[in-house]
Each structure stands twice: as C-alpha cells, then as structure tokens.
N, C-alpha and C. Protein backbone atom coordinates (compact mmCIF):
# COMPACT_ATOMS: atom_id res chain seq x y z
N MET A 1 32.68 -51.94 95.60
CA MET A 1 31.26 -52.28 95.81
C MET A 1 31.13 -53.78 96.08
N ALA A 2 30.41 -54.12 97.13
CA ALA A 2 30.23 -55.52 97.50
C ALA A 2 29.38 -56.24 96.47
N LEU A 3 29.70 -57.49 96.22
CA LEU A 3 28.98 -58.30 95.25
C LEU A 3 27.68 -58.80 95.85
N ASN A 4 26.59 -58.58 95.15
CA ASN A 4 25.29 -59.09 95.58
C ASN A 4 25.19 -60.54 95.13
N THR A 5 25.44 -61.45 96.05
CA THR A 5 25.48 -62.87 95.69
C THR A 5 24.12 -63.44 95.32
N GLU A 6 23.06 -62.73 95.67
CA GLU A 6 21.72 -63.24 95.35
C GLU A 6 21.40 -63.04 93.87
N THR A 7 21.94 -61.98 93.26
CA THR A 7 21.64 -61.70 91.85
C THR A 7 22.84 -61.91 90.93
N ALA A 8 24.00 -62.22 91.51
CA ALA A 8 25.22 -62.36 90.71
C ALA A 8 25.14 -63.58 89.79
N GLN A 9 25.62 -63.38 88.56
CA GLN A 9 25.69 -64.47 87.57
C GLN A 9 27.15 -64.85 87.37
N PHE A 10 27.42 -66.14 87.37
CA PHE A 10 28.79 -66.60 87.24
C PHE A 10 29.02 -67.47 86.00
N THR A 11 27.99 -67.72 85.24
CA THR A 11 28.14 -68.52 84.03
C THR A 11 27.12 -68.08 83.00
N PHE A 12 27.46 -68.30 81.73
CA PHE A 12 26.57 -67.89 80.65
C PHE A 12 26.89 -68.69 79.40
N ASP A 13 25.89 -68.98 78.60
CA ASP A 13 26.05 -69.71 77.34
C ASP A 13 26.03 -68.72 76.18
N MET A 14 27.19 -68.45 75.58
CA MET A 14 27.27 -67.48 74.49
C MET A 14 26.51 -67.93 73.24
N ASN A 15 26.24 -69.23 73.14
CA ASN A 15 25.46 -69.72 72.00
C ASN A 15 24.04 -69.16 72.00
N LYS A 16 23.62 -68.64 73.13
CA LYS A 16 22.28 -68.07 73.25
C LYS A 16 22.28 -66.55 73.17
N SER A 17 23.42 -65.97 72.72
CA SER A 17 23.53 -64.51 72.68
C SER A 17 24.08 -64.05 71.33
N PRO A 18 23.29 -64.20 70.26
CA PRO A 18 23.77 -63.79 68.94
C PRO A 18 23.83 -62.27 68.79
N LEU A 19 24.93 -61.79 68.21
CA LEU A 19 25.02 -60.38 67.83
C LEU A 19 24.48 -60.19 66.43
N MET A 20 24.90 -61.07 65.52
CA MET A 20 24.36 -61.08 64.16
C MET A 20 24.66 -62.41 63.51
N GLN A 21 23.86 -62.77 62.49
CA GLN A 21 24.10 -63.99 61.74
C GLN A 21 23.86 -63.73 60.26
N LYS A 22 24.91 -63.94 59.47
CA LYS A 22 24.79 -63.84 58.01
C LYS A 22 24.23 -65.13 57.45
N ASP A 23 24.77 -66.25 57.90
CA ASP A 23 24.28 -67.58 57.53
C ASP A 23 24.82 -68.56 58.56
N LYS A 24 24.64 -69.85 58.33
CA LYS A 24 25.01 -70.84 59.34
C LYS A 24 26.52 -70.94 59.56
N ASN A 25 27.32 -70.41 58.63
CA ASN A 25 28.77 -70.48 58.75
C ASN A 25 29.42 -69.16 59.13
N ASN A 26 28.64 -68.09 59.13
CA ASN A 26 29.19 -66.76 59.37
C ASN A 26 28.29 -66.01 60.35
N TYR A 27 28.75 -65.94 61.59
CA TYR A 27 27.95 -65.29 62.62
C TYR A 27 28.83 -64.87 63.80
N ILE A 28 28.27 -64.02 64.65
CA ILE A 28 28.99 -63.49 65.81
C ILE A 28 28.09 -63.57 67.04
N ASN A 29 28.63 -64.13 68.12
CA ASN A 29 27.95 -64.12 69.42
C ASN A 29 28.66 -63.14 70.35
N ILE A 30 27.92 -62.61 71.31
CA ILE A 30 28.47 -61.56 72.17
C ILE A 30 28.33 -61.92 73.65
N LEU A 31 29.31 -61.51 74.43
CA LEU A 31 29.25 -61.60 75.89
C LEU A 31 29.75 -60.30 76.49
N GLY A 32 28.89 -59.66 77.25
CA GLY A 32 29.25 -58.44 77.96
C GLY A 32 28.55 -58.42 79.30
N VAL A 33 28.61 -57.30 79.99
CA VAL A 33 28.02 -57.22 81.32
C VAL A 33 26.51 -57.39 81.28
N GLN A 34 25.89 -57.10 80.14
CA GLN A 34 24.44 -57.30 80.04
C GLN A 34 24.08 -58.78 80.02
N GLN A 35 25.02 -59.60 79.58
CA GLN A 35 24.77 -61.04 79.57
C GLN A 35 25.24 -61.72 80.86
N LEU A 36 26.34 -61.19 81.42
CA LEU A 36 26.94 -61.79 82.62
C LEU A 36 27.31 -60.66 83.57
N ASN A 37 26.48 -60.43 84.59
CA ASN A 37 26.58 -59.20 85.36
C ASN A 37 27.77 -59.12 86.32
N THR A 38 28.55 -60.18 86.45
CA THR A 38 29.75 -60.12 87.29
C THR A 38 30.99 -59.68 86.52
N LEU A 39 30.86 -59.46 85.21
CA LEU A 39 32.00 -58.99 84.42
C LEU A 39 32.36 -57.56 84.81
N LYS A 40 33.65 -57.25 84.74
CA LYS A 40 34.08 -55.89 84.99
C LYS A 40 34.68 -55.31 83.71
N ASN A 41 35.99 -55.36 83.56
CA ASN A 41 36.60 -54.76 82.37
C ASN A 41 36.99 -55.81 81.34
N VAL A 42 36.02 -56.64 80.97
CA VAL A 42 36.27 -57.63 79.92
C VAL A 42 34.95 -57.97 79.24
N SER A 43 35.03 -58.21 77.93
CA SER A 43 33.87 -58.67 77.15
C SER A 43 34.41 -59.42 75.94
N LEU A 44 33.54 -60.16 75.28
CA LEU A 44 33.97 -61.06 74.20
C LEU A 44 33.04 -61.00 73.01
N LEU A 45 33.63 -61.23 71.83
CA LEU A 45 32.87 -61.57 70.63
C LEU A 45 33.38 -62.92 70.14
N ASP A 46 32.48 -63.85 69.93
CA ASP A 46 32.80 -65.17 69.41
C ASP A 46 32.46 -65.15 67.92
N ILE A 47 33.49 -65.24 67.06
CA ILE A 47 33.32 -64.96 65.63
C ILE A 47 33.58 -66.22 64.81
N PHE A 48 32.64 -66.55 63.94
CA PHE A 48 32.75 -67.72 63.06
C PHE A 48 32.66 -67.25 61.61
N LEU A 49 33.65 -67.66 60.79
CA LEU A 49 33.73 -67.18 59.41
C LEU A 49 34.12 -68.30 58.47
N SER A 50 33.59 -68.24 57.24
CA SER A 50 34.10 -69.09 56.17
C SER A 50 35.04 -68.26 55.31
N ALA A 51 35.77 -68.92 54.43
CA ALA A 51 36.84 -68.28 53.66
C ALA A 51 36.36 -67.04 52.93
N ASN A 52 37.19 -65.98 53.00
CA ASN A 52 36.97 -64.70 52.32
C ASN A 52 35.82 -63.87 52.86
N ASN A 53 35.25 -64.28 53.98
CA ASN A 53 34.29 -63.42 54.67
C ASN A 53 35.05 -62.45 55.56
N VAL A 54 34.47 -61.26 55.72
CA VAL A 54 35.16 -60.14 56.35
C VAL A 54 34.34 -59.58 57.51
N VAL A 55 34.95 -59.45 58.67
CA VAL A 55 34.36 -58.60 59.71
C VAL A 55 34.64 -57.18 59.26
N GLU A 56 33.60 -56.47 58.86
CA GLU A 56 33.76 -55.21 58.13
C GLU A 56 34.63 -54.18 58.84
N PRO A 57 35.26 -53.28 58.09
CA PRO A 57 36.06 -52.22 58.71
C PRO A 57 35.26 -51.47 59.78
N HIS A 58 35.92 -51.26 60.93
CA HIS A 58 35.23 -50.65 62.07
C HIS A 58 36.26 -50.22 63.09
N TYR A 59 35.79 -49.55 64.14
CA TYR A 59 36.65 -49.29 65.30
C TYR A 59 35.83 -49.33 66.58
N HIS A 60 36.51 -49.61 67.68
CA HIS A 60 35.88 -49.67 69.00
C HIS A 60 36.32 -48.45 69.79
N GLN A 61 35.39 -47.55 70.03
CA GLN A 61 35.73 -46.27 70.65
C GLN A 61 36.00 -46.38 72.14
N ASN A 62 35.67 -47.52 72.74
CA ASN A 62 35.83 -47.64 74.20
C ASN A 62 36.77 -48.75 74.63
N ALA A 63 37.40 -49.44 73.68
CA ALA A 63 38.19 -50.60 74.09
C ALA A 63 39.25 -50.99 73.07
N ALA A 64 40.34 -51.56 73.58
CA ALA A 64 41.29 -52.27 72.72
C ALA A 64 40.73 -53.67 72.48
N GLU A 65 41.23 -54.32 71.41
CA GLU A 65 40.72 -55.64 71.05
C GLU A 65 41.88 -56.60 70.83
N LEU A 66 41.84 -57.73 71.49
CA LEU A 66 42.81 -58.80 71.28
C LEU A 66 42.10 -59.91 70.51
N VAL A 67 42.58 -60.18 69.29
CA VAL A 67 41.95 -61.19 68.43
C VAL A 67 42.75 -62.49 68.54
N TYR A 68 42.12 -63.53 69.05
CA TYR A 68 42.76 -64.84 69.23
C TYR A 68 42.17 -65.83 68.25
N CYS A 69 43.02 -66.53 67.51
CA CYS A 69 42.56 -67.52 66.54
C CYS A 69 42.44 -68.88 67.22
N ILE A 70 41.22 -69.42 67.26
CA ILE A 70 40.97 -70.73 67.85
C ILE A 70 41.16 -71.83 66.81
N SER A 71 40.60 -71.59 65.60
CA SER A 71 40.76 -72.55 64.51
C SER A 71 40.70 -71.82 63.19
N GLY A 72 41.17 -72.50 62.13
CA GLY A 72 41.19 -71.85 60.82
C GLY A 72 42.35 -70.88 60.69
N ALA A 73 42.11 -69.78 59.98
CA ALA A 73 43.16 -68.78 59.76
C ALA A 73 42.51 -67.48 59.31
N ALA A 74 43.13 -66.37 59.66
CA ALA A 74 42.59 -65.06 59.30
C ALA A 74 43.72 -64.05 59.20
N VAL A 75 43.41 -62.92 58.58
CA VAL A 75 44.33 -61.78 58.56
C VAL A 75 43.63 -60.63 59.27
N VAL A 76 44.28 -60.11 60.30
CA VAL A 76 43.79 -58.94 61.01
C VAL A 76 44.52 -57.73 60.44
N SER A 77 43.77 -56.78 59.91
CA SER A 77 44.36 -55.60 59.27
C SER A 77 44.01 -54.36 60.06
N ILE A 78 45.03 -53.54 60.32
CA ILE A 78 44.89 -52.36 61.17
C ILE A 78 45.44 -51.14 60.43
N LEU A 79 44.68 -50.06 60.44
CA LEU A 79 45.19 -48.80 59.88
C LEU A 79 45.91 -48.04 60.98
N ASN A 80 47.23 -47.98 60.86
CA ASN A 80 48.05 -47.30 61.86
C ASN A 80 47.96 -45.79 61.65
N PRO A 81 47.44 -45.02 62.61
CA PRO A 81 47.26 -43.59 62.40
C PRO A 81 48.57 -42.81 62.42
N ASN A 82 49.62 -43.43 62.93
CA ASN A 82 50.91 -42.75 62.99
C ASN A 82 51.68 -42.87 61.68
N THR A 83 51.62 -44.05 61.06
CA THR A 83 52.35 -44.27 59.81
C THR A 83 51.48 -44.10 58.57
N LYS A 84 50.14 -44.00 58.77
CA LYS A 84 49.19 -43.93 57.66
C LYS A 84 49.31 -45.15 56.76
N GLN A 85 49.56 -46.32 57.34
CA GLN A 85 49.67 -47.55 56.60
C GLN A 85 48.73 -48.61 57.15
N ILE A 86 48.22 -49.46 56.24
CA ILE A 86 47.52 -50.66 56.67
C ILE A 86 48.58 -51.70 57.04
N GLN A 87 48.48 -52.25 58.24
CA GLN A 87 49.36 -53.32 58.67
C GLN A 87 48.54 -54.61 58.74
N ASN A 88 49.05 -55.67 58.12
CA ASN A 88 48.33 -56.94 58.02
C ASN A 88 49.01 -58.01 58.84
N PHE A 89 48.25 -58.69 59.71
CA PHE A 89 48.82 -59.69 60.61
C PHE A 89 48.09 -61.02 60.44
N PRO A 90 48.69 -61.98 59.71
CA PRO A 90 48.07 -63.30 59.59
C PRO A 90 48.15 -64.04 60.92
N ILE A 91 47.06 -64.68 61.31
CA ILE A 91 47.05 -65.47 62.54
C ILE A 91 46.44 -66.84 62.27
N THR A 92 46.99 -67.84 62.95
CA THR A 92 46.52 -69.22 62.90
C THR A 92 46.31 -69.67 64.34
N PRO A 93 45.77 -70.87 64.57
CA PRO A 93 45.43 -71.29 65.93
C PRO A 93 46.56 -71.07 66.94
N GLY A 94 46.20 -70.42 68.03
CA GLY A 94 47.13 -70.12 69.10
C GLY A 94 47.80 -68.76 68.97
N GLN A 95 47.58 -68.08 67.84
CA GLN A 95 48.20 -66.78 67.62
C GLN A 95 47.20 -65.65 67.84
N VAL A 96 47.71 -64.45 68.17
CA VAL A 96 46.87 -63.31 68.46
C VAL A 96 47.34 -62.09 67.68
N ALA A 97 46.44 -61.13 67.53
CA ALA A 97 46.77 -59.79 67.03
C ALA A 97 46.07 -58.79 67.93
N ASN A 98 46.79 -57.74 68.31
CA ASN A 98 46.24 -56.76 69.24
C ASN A 98 45.91 -55.47 68.51
N VAL A 99 44.67 -55.00 68.65
CA VAL A 99 44.21 -53.78 68.01
C VAL A 99 44.03 -52.70 69.08
N PRO A 100 44.82 -51.62 69.04
CA PRO A 100 44.68 -50.56 70.04
C PRO A 100 43.29 -49.91 70.02
N LYS A 101 42.93 -49.35 71.12
CA LYS A 101 41.63 -48.68 71.26
C LYS A 101 41.43 -47.64 70.15
N ALA A 102 40.28 -47.73 69.48
CA ALA A 102 39.82 -46.76 68.48
C ALA A 102 40.63 -46.79 67.18
N TRP A 103 41.38 -47.85 66.93
CA TRP A 103 42.08 -47.97 65.65
C TRP A 103 41.18 -48.68 64.64
N TRP A 104 41.14 -48.14 63.43
CA TRP A 104 40.34 -48.69 62.32
C TRP A 104 40.93 -50.04 61.92
N HIS A 105 40.09 -51.09 61.81
CA HIS A 105 40.60 -52.42 61.52
C HIS A 105 39.51 -53.31 60.95
N TYR A 106 39.93 -54.48 60.47
CA TYR A 106 39.00 -55.49 59.94
C TYR A 106 39.70 -56.84 59.95
N GLU A 107 38.92 -57.92 59.85
CA GLU A 107 39.46 -59.27 59.83
C GLU A 107 38.90 -60.02 58.63
N VAL A 108 39.77 -60.75 57.94
CA VAL A 108 39.37 -61.55 56.77
C VAL A 108 39.74 -63.01 57.03
N ALA A 109 38.77 -63.91 56.94
CA ALA A 109 39.06 -65.34 57.06
C ALA A 109 39.74 -65.82 55.79
N THR A 110 40.80 -66.60 55.93
CA THR A 110 41.52 -67.11 54.77
C THR A 110 41.20 -68.56 54.45
N VAL A 111 40.52 -69.24 55.37
CA VAL A 111 40.08 -70.61 55.14
C VAL A 111 38.69 -70.77 55.75
N ASP A 112 38.01 -71.86 55.35
CA ASP A 112 36.72 -72.16 55.95
C ASP A 112 36.88 -72.57 57.41
N ASN A 113 35.77 -72.52 58.13
CA ASN A 113 35.72 -72.95 59.53
C ASN A 113 36.71 -72.18 60.41
N THR A 114 36.82 -70.89 60.14
CA THR A 114 37.65 -70.05 60.99
C THR A 114 36.86 -69.59 62.21
N HIS A 115 37.50 -69.70 63.37
CA HIS A 115 36.86 -69.32 64.64
C HIS A 115 37.80 -68.38 65.38
N LEU A 116 37.34 -67.16 65.60
CA LEU A 116 38.13 -66.15 66.28
C LEU A 116 37.43 -65.73 67.58
N LEU A 117 38.22 -65.40 68.57
CA LEU A 117 37.69 -64.85 69.81
C LEU A 117 38.25 -63.44 69.97
N ALA A 118 37.38 -62.45 70.00
CA ALA A 118 37.79 -61.05 70.19
C ALA A 118 37.55 -60.68 71.65
N ILE A 119 38.61 -60.27 72.33
CA ILE A 119 38.56 -59.99 73.76
C ILE A 119 38.79 -58.48 73.97
N PHE A 120 37.89 -57.84 74.71
CA PHE A 120 37.93 -56.39 74.90
C PHE A 120 38.17 -56.03 76.36
N ASP A 121 38.88 -54.92 76.58
CA ASP A 121 39.11 -54.45 77.95
C ASP A 121 38.04 -53.44 78.36
N ALA A 122 36.79 -53.82 78.15
CA ALA A 122 35.63 -53.01 78.54
C ALA A 122 34.48 -53.96 78.82
N LYS A 123 33.56 -53.55 79.68
CA LYS A 123 32.47 -54.46 80.05
C LYS A 123 31.44 -54.65 78.94
N THR A 124 31.43 -53.73 77.97
CA THR A 124 30.59 -53.86 76.78
C THR A 124 31.37 -53.30 75.60
N PRO A 125 31.55 -54.07 74.52
CA PRO A 125 32.27 -53.52 73.37
C PRO A 125 31.38 -52.59 72.55
N GLU A 126 31.79 -51.35 72.43
CA GLU A 126 31.07 -50.41 71.56
C GLU A 126 31.76 -50.40 70.20
N VAL A 127 31.00 -50.05 69.16
CA VAL A 127 31.58 -50.13 67.82
C VAL A 127 30.99 -49.08 66.89
N ILE A 128 31.83 -48.56 66.00
CA ILE A 128 31.40 -47.74 64.88
C ILE A 128 31.75 -48.51 63.61
N LEU A 129 30.75 -48.86 62.82
CA LEU A 129 30.93 -49.69 61.63
C LEU A 129 31.11 -48.84 60.37
N GLY A 130 31.95 -49.32 59.46
CA GLY A 130 32.14 -48.62 58.21
C GLY A 130 30.86 -48.46 57.43
N SER A 131 30.02 -49.48 57.43
CA SER A 131 28.76 -49.41 56.69
C SER A 131 27.85 -48.33 57.25
N ASP A 132 27.91 -48.11 58.56
CA ASP A 132 27.09 -47.06 59.17
C ASP A 132 27.65 -45.68 58.85
N LEU A 133 28.97 -45.54 58.83
CA LEU A 133 29.56 -44.25 58.45
C LEU A 133 29.16 -43.87 57.03
N LEU A 134 29.17 -44.86 56.13
CA LEU A 134 28.84 -44.59 54.73
C LEU A 134 27.36 -44.25 54.54
N THR A 135 26.50 -44.96 55.24
CA THR A 135 25.06 -44.81 55.00
C THR A 135 24.39 -43.75 55.85
N LEU A 136 24.97 -43.43 57.01
CA LEU A 136 24.33 -42.47 57.90
C LEU A 136 24.83 -41.04 57.72
N THR A 137 26.01 -40.88 57.12
CA THR A 137 26.47 -39.52 56.83
C THR A 137 25.65 -38.97 55.65
N PRO A 138 25.05 -37.79 55.79
CA PRO A 138 24.21 -37.25 54.71
C PRO A 138 24.98 -37.17 53.39
N PRO A 139 24.40 -37.66 52.30
CA PRO A 139 25.09 -37.65 51.01
C PRO A 139 25.55 -36.26 50.57
N ASN A 140 24.76 -35.23 50.89
CA ASN A 140 25.16 -33.88 50.47
C ASN A 140 26.44 -33.42 51.21
N ILE A 141 26.62 -33.90 52.45
CA ILE A 141 27.83 -33.56 53.19
C ILE A 141 29.04 -34.26 52.57
N MET A 142 28.91 -35.54 52.26
CA MET A 142 30.00 -36.28 51.63
C MET A 142 30.36 -35.65 50.29
N ALA A 143 29.36 -35.36 49.49
CA ALA A 143 29.60 -34.81 48.16
C ALA A 143 30.26 -33.43 48.24
N HIS A 144 29.77 -32.59 49.14
CA HIS A 144 30.33 -31.24 49.28
C HIS A 144 31.75 -31.29 49.82
N THR A 145 31.97 -32.12 50.86
CA THR A 145 33.27 -32.18 51.51
C THR A 145 34.37 -32.67 50.57
N TYR A 146 34.04 -33.69 49.77
CA TYR A 146 35.06 -34.31 48.94
C TYR A 146 34.92 -33.96 47.46
N CYS A 147 34.17 -32.89 47.17
CA CYS A 147 34.02 -32.39 45.81
C CYS A 147 33.56 -33.50 44.86
N MET A 148 32.43 -34.10 45.22
CA MET A 148 31.89 -35.22 44.45
C MET A 148 30.51 -34.87 43.91
N ASP A 149 30.09 -35.63 42.91
CA ASP A 149 28.73 -35.55 42.42
C ASP A 149 27.83 -36.31 43.40
N GLU A 150 26.85 -35.61 43.99
CA GLU A 150 26.02 -36.23 45.02
C GLU A 150 25.28 -37.45 44.50
N ASN A 151 24.76 -37.37 43.29
CA ASN A 151 24.02 -38.51 42.74
C ASN A 151 24.93 -39.72 42.53
N LYS A 152 26.16 -39.47 42.11
CA LYS A 152 27.10 -40.57 41.93
C LYS A 152 27.46 -41.20 43.28
N TRP A 153 27.60 -40.37 44.30
CA TRP A 153 27.86 -40.91 45.63
C TRP A 153 26.71 -41.78 46.10
N LYS A 154 25.48 -41.30 45.92
CA LYS A 154 24.30 -42.07 46.32
C LYS A 154 24.26 -43.41 45.60
N GLU A 155 24.58 -43.39 44.31
CA GLU A 155 24.57 -44.62 43.52
C GLU A 155 25.67 -45.57 43.99
N ALA A 156 26.82 -45.01 44.33
CA ALA A 156 27.96 -45.83 44.76
C ALA A 156 27.67 -46.58 46.05
N ILE A 157 26.99 -45.92 47.01
CA ILE A 157 26.76 -46.56 48.31
C ILE A 157 25.39 -47.24 48.39
N LYS A 158 24.64 -47.23 47.32
CA LYS A 158 23.30 -47.83 47.32
C LYS A 158 23.32 -49.30 47.75
N PRO A 159 24.32 -50.10 47.34
CA PRO A 159 24.33 -51.50 47.77
C PRO A 159 24.73 -51.72 49.22
N VAL A 160 25.22 -50.68 49.89
CA VAL A 160 25.74 -50.84 51.26
C VAL A 160 24.58 -51.01 52.24
N THR A 161 24.63 -52.09 53.01
CA THR A 161 23.62 -52.36 54.03
C THR A 161 24.11 -51.84 55.38
N PRO A 162 23.34 -50.97 56.04
CA PRO A 162 23.77 -50.51 57.37
C PRO A 162 24.01 -51.68 58.32
N SER A 163 25.00 -51.52 59.17
CA SER A 163 25.35 -52.56 60.15
C SER A 163 25.54 -53.92 59.49
N THR A 164 26.40 -53.96 58.48
CA THR A 164 26.68 -55.20 57.77
C THR A 164 27.32 -56.23 58.69
N PHE A 165 28.28 -55.84 59.48
CA PHE A 165 29.07 -56.69 60.38
C PHE A 165 29.93 -57.69 59.61
N ILE A 166 29.32 -58.62 58.86
CA ILE A 166 30.07 -59.59 58.09
C ILE A 166 29.74 -59.44 56.62
N GLY A 167 30.76 -59.19 55.81
CA GLY A 167 30.56 -59.04 54.38
C GLY A 167 31.37 -60.07 53.61
N PRO A 168 31.14 -60.20 52.33
CA PRO A 168 30.10 -59.52 51.56
C PRO A 168 28.71 -60.00 51.97
N THR A 169 27.71 -59.18 51.70
CA THR A 169 26.34 -59.55 52.03
C THR A 169 25.90 -60.74 51.18
N LYS A 170 24.87 -61.46 51.64
CA LYS A 170 24.43 -62.66 50.94
C LYS A 170 23.96 -62.39 49.51
N ASN A 171 23.44 -61.18 49.27
CA ASN A 171 22.92 -60.85 47.93
C ASN A 171 23.95 -60.10 47.10
N CYS A 172 25.24 -60.21 47.47
CA CYS A 172 26.30 -59.47 46.76
C CYS A 172 26.43 -59.93 45.31
N LYS A 173 26.41 -58.96 44.40
CA LYS A 173 26.62 -59.23 42.98
C LYS A 173 27.61 -58.21 42.45
N LYS A 174 28.89 -58.54 42.56
CA LYS A 174 29.93 -57.62 42.12
C LYS A 174 30.17 -57.75 40.63
N PRO A 175 30.45 -56.63 39.96
CA PRO A 175 30.80 -56.68 38.54
C PRO A 175 32.02 -57.57 38.32
N GLN A 176 32.02 -58.34 37.24
CA GLN A 176 33.10 -59.27 36.96
C GLN A 176 34.44 -58.59 36.83
N ASN A 177 34.45 -57.36 36.29
CA ASN A 177 35.73 -56.69 36.07
C ASN A 177 36.39 -56.21 37.34
N ARG A 178 35.72 -56.40 38.49
CA ARG A 178 36.32 -56.01 39.76
C ARG A 178 36.84 -57.21 40.55
N SER A 179 36.65 -58.40 40.01
CA SER A 179 37.01 -59.59 40.78
C SER A 179 38.49 -59.64 41.11
N ASN A 180 39.32 -59.05 40.25
CA ASN A 180 40.75 -59.11 40.51
C ASN A 180 41.20 -58.19 41.64
N THR A 181 40.30 -57.37 42.18
CA THR A 181 40.66 -56.50 43.30
C THR A 181 40.15 -57.06 44.62
N SER A 182 39.40 -58.16 44.59
CA SER A 182 38.88 -58.74 45.81
C SER A 182 39.99 -59.42 46.59
N PRO A 183 39.94 -59.38 47.93
CA PRO A 183 41.00 -59.98 48.73
C PRO A 183 40.85 -61.49 48.80
N GLN A 184 41.02 -62.20 47.68
CA GLN A 184 40.93 -63.65 47.66
C GLN A 184 42.27 -64.22 48.12
N PHE A 185 42.35 -64.70 49.36
CA PHE A 185 43.59 -65.23 49.89
C PHE A 185 43.73 -66.68 49.45
N ARG A 186 44.81 -66.99 48.77
CA ARG A 186 45.08 -68.38 48.41
C ARG A 186 45.57 -69.15 49.64
N ASN A 187 46.33 -68.49 50.47
CA ASN A 187 46.82 -69.10 51.69
C ASN A 187 47.24 -68.00 52.66
N GLN A 188 47.76 -68.40 53.80
CA GLN A 188 48.05 -67.45 54.85
C GLN A 188 49.27 -66.59 54.53
N HIS A 189 49.99 -66.91 53.45
CA HIS A 189 51.21 -66.17 53.14
C HIS A 189 51.12 -65.51 51.77
N ASP A 190 49.93 -65.06 51.42
CA ASP A 190 49.73 -64.38 50.15
C ASP A 190 50.15 -62.93 50.31
N TRP A 191 51.47 -62.68 50.26
CA TRP A 191 51.99 -61.35 50.54
C TRP A 191 51.68 -60.36 49.44
N ARG A 192 51.21 -60.86 48.28
CA ARG A 192 50.77 -59.93 47.24
C ARG A 192 49.71 -58.99 47.79
N TYR A 193 48.81 -59.52 48.63
CA TYR A 193 47.77 -58.69 49.22
C TYR A 193 48.23 -58.03 50.52
N LEU A 194 49.16 -58.66 51.21
CA LEU A 194 49.48 -58.23 52.56
C LEU A 194 50.50 -57.10 52.64
N LYS A 195 51.02 -56.63 51.51
CA LYS A 195 51.97 -55.53 51.57
C LYS A 195 51.29 -54.27 52.12
N PRO A 196 52.00 -53.46 52.91
CA PRO A 196 51.40 -52.24 53.47
C PRO A 196 50.85 -51.33 52.38
N GLN A 197 49.74 -50.67 52.69
CA GLN A 197 49.10 -49.76 51.75
C GLN A 197 49.11 -48.36 52.34
N ASN A 198 49.64 -47.40 51.60
CA ASN A 198 49.75 -46.03 52.10
C ASN A 198 48.47 -45.25 51.88
N TYR A 199 48.12 -44.39 52.84
CA TYR A 199 46.98 -43.50 52.74
C TYR A 199 47.45 -42.08 53.05
N SER A 200 46.89 -41.12 52.37
CA SER A 200 47.33 -39.75 52.57
C SER A 200 46.68 -39.10 53.78
N TYR A 201 45.60 -39.71 54.30
CA TYR A 201 44.94 -39.15 55.47
C TYR A 201 44.20 -40.26 56.17
N PHE A 202 43.80 -40.00 57.41
CA PHE A 202 43.02 -40.96 58.17
C PHE A 202 41.77 -40.26 58.69
N PRO A 203 40.60 -40.57 58.12
CA PRO A 203 39.41 -39.75 58.37
C PRO A 203 38.63 -40.09 59.62
N TYR A 204 39.07 -41.05 60.43
CA TYR A 204 38.25 -41.48 61.54
C TYR A 204 38.81 -40.95 62.86
N PRO A 205 37.96 -40.58 63.77
CA PRO A 205 38.40 -39.92 65.02
C PRO A 205 39.08 -40.88 65.98
N TYR A 206 39.95 -40.32 66.81
CA TYR A 206 40.61 -41.08 67.87
C TYR A 206 40.28 -40.47 69.21
C-alpha cells in the first residue's frame, strides 16, 4: 500500500502519551500505530520504575517483547510453559531479555531510577493483566473450579485493583508477617530470590 504523505506522521513525543502513572517515579508511556501512523510491526512501552516496583504479571497475546534496560537495573521473570519453571533474567544498562509471544512474565526494578524500553513486534501491544484475570473471573467460577470457599476467595482478592499495571498499589498495606516473602532485591545478584520456581500447571492460554 502506497504511503499517503499528506497524512503520514514521522515523529512523535512519547512523553505526551501516558499509558498509566502510579506516581512521579513509576509510570509507563506508550507508542503504537495510534500514536504514529507510519509504524508497521513495531510498538514501544517506555517504563520508569523505582526500586521494588513491579510491572505486574501479564502476557501479550499478539506480540513478543524485547525488554531493554536503559538505566538502573531490573529482573525480567518469565514462566516457561515447557519446563513449568519461572526463569529470572537480571538486566542492567545495555542488556536485554526476550519474552516470547503470549508467555506469562513480569519485571521488578532492583534499584531506583530504573528505565526500561519494551519493544514489541506488533503495531499495537495487546495485554492480559494478572489483576484483570483475578478480578474479572466470576468468584463462583474460581471457587468451584479450584474447590475453594467463595467468600474466602472474594476476601483474598478484595485488595486487587483491576488494571494495576505497576504494583504494589500506592495504598498497599501488607501484613507484617508477610514481609519476608516480598521480592526485596538487595542487589542484582540476589540469587536467593532468583532460583527457578516449579509449578505443577500453567493456567494461562497460549
């Protein structure tokens, strides 16, 4: 298809295209074909995080994702559907981690002022967020499927905000006795947390 040079856009300021903002240090900007109409099979998320903030577990049903670290440091974690293991990849400036299309994954900043660029092989990155799976699936279905008490399930997910994107949420108040399970990275080589974690099943579609 010939390019319409009268309407074609060749430049765009991503600072004017916020996807979400948790606070001044944790936010995501987006660039896709809706922002820049000459794009074909590429789109971007510009991600800014402070230490221990998480781009929530999610998957992209239409694209693979290449995560490039511009500054700071992060761990990109991927649930491998073949091995049923979480694989953790620490990245620092100049390093990348590649997430295959539709693989469940998340990113955790290990230091303040972390800046990541997520590059997709699609003109618009589509996403299914963990917070949406938890909150939009009917509680009676979850309780029946996994042999749970429905009221306990409702209580458990009550603090979950749909479309969280970056967690923990600003109003997070975790019980003190759970603090030792939080992914508090002391540095980029905290292998205590980074060891593979086995799962008996993988509940998300491919």
